[in-house]
Amino acid sequence: MEALYLLIPLSVILVFVALWIFFRASDNGQFDDLVGPGLRVLQDDDKPQAD
C-alpha cells in the first residue's frame, strides 16, 4: 500500500512530461509534413550525374 503513495504521483508526473514533450514537438513543426518524405522516396533520381 505504501508503494502506491510513490507510484501514483510518479505516474501522473510521467504523463504530464510525455504530454509536454508531445505538444512541444507539435508546436515546433515536427508533425507538419507527414506525406512529403514518403513521396520523396518514390521520386526517380537515377539520372546520370554530369561530371
Protein backbone atom coordinates (compact mmCIF):
# COMPACT_ATOMS: atom_id res chain seq x y z
CA MET A 1 0.00 0.00 0.00
CA GLU A 2 2.83 2.39 0.78
CA ALA A 3 4.25 1.87 -2.71
CA LEU A 4 1.11 3.43 -4.19
CA TYR A 5 1.90 6.69 -2.42
CA LEU A 6 5.04 6.87 -4.54
CA LEU A 7 3.91 5.23 -7.79
CA ILE A 8 0.73 7.22 -8.39
CA PRO A 9 2.36 10.69 -8.22
CA LEU A 10 5.29 9.43 -10.31
CA SER A 11 2.95 8.10 -12.99
CA VAL A 12 1.00 11.37 -13.06
CA ILE A 13 4.24 13.34 -13.44
CA LEU A 14 5.38 10.98 -16.19
CA VAL A 15 2.13 11.51 -18.12
CA PHE A 16 2.46 15.29 -17.86
CA VAL A 17 6.09 15.14 -19.05
CA ALA A 18 5.10 12.98 -22.04
CA LEU A 19 2.28 15.38 -22.94
CA TRP A 20 4.62 18.35 -22.60
CA ILE A 21 7.16 16.71 -24.94
CA PHE A 22 4.43 15.89 -27.48
CA PHE A 23 2.96 19.39 -27.52
CA ARG A 24 6.41 20.99 -27.67
CA ALA A 25 7.27 18.87 -30.73
CA SER A 26 3.92 19.72 -32.27
CA ASP A 27 4.45 23.45 -31.75
CA ASN A 28 7.92 23.26 -33.31
CA GLY A 29 6.53 21.75 -36.53
CA GLN A 30 7.67 18.19 -36.05
CA PHE A 31 4.42 16.79 -37.49
CA ASP A 32 3.77 19.36 -40.25
CA ASP A 33 4.58 17.31 -43.36
CA LEU A 34 3.90 13.62 -42.90
CA VAL A 35 3.28 12.87 -46.59
CA GLY A 36 6.27 14.59 -48.23
CA PRO A 37 9.08 12.26 -47.08
CA GLY A 38 7.07 9.20 -48.14
CA LEU A 39 6.50 10.60 -51.61
CA ARG A 40 10.11 11.75 -51.95
CA VAL A 41 11.24 8.12 -51.73
CA LEU A 42 9.16 7.28 -54.80
CA GLN A 43 10.66 10.01 -57.00
CA ASP A 44 13.06 8.77 -59.64
CA ASP A 45 16.53 10.23 -59.15
CA ASP A 46 18.52 7.72 -61.19
CA LYS A 47 19.64 10.32 -63.74
CA PRO A 48 23.32 10.24 -64.65
CA GLN A 49 25.27 12.97 -62.94
CA ALA A 50 27.15 15.49 -65.08
CA ASP A 51 30.85 15.49 -64.25
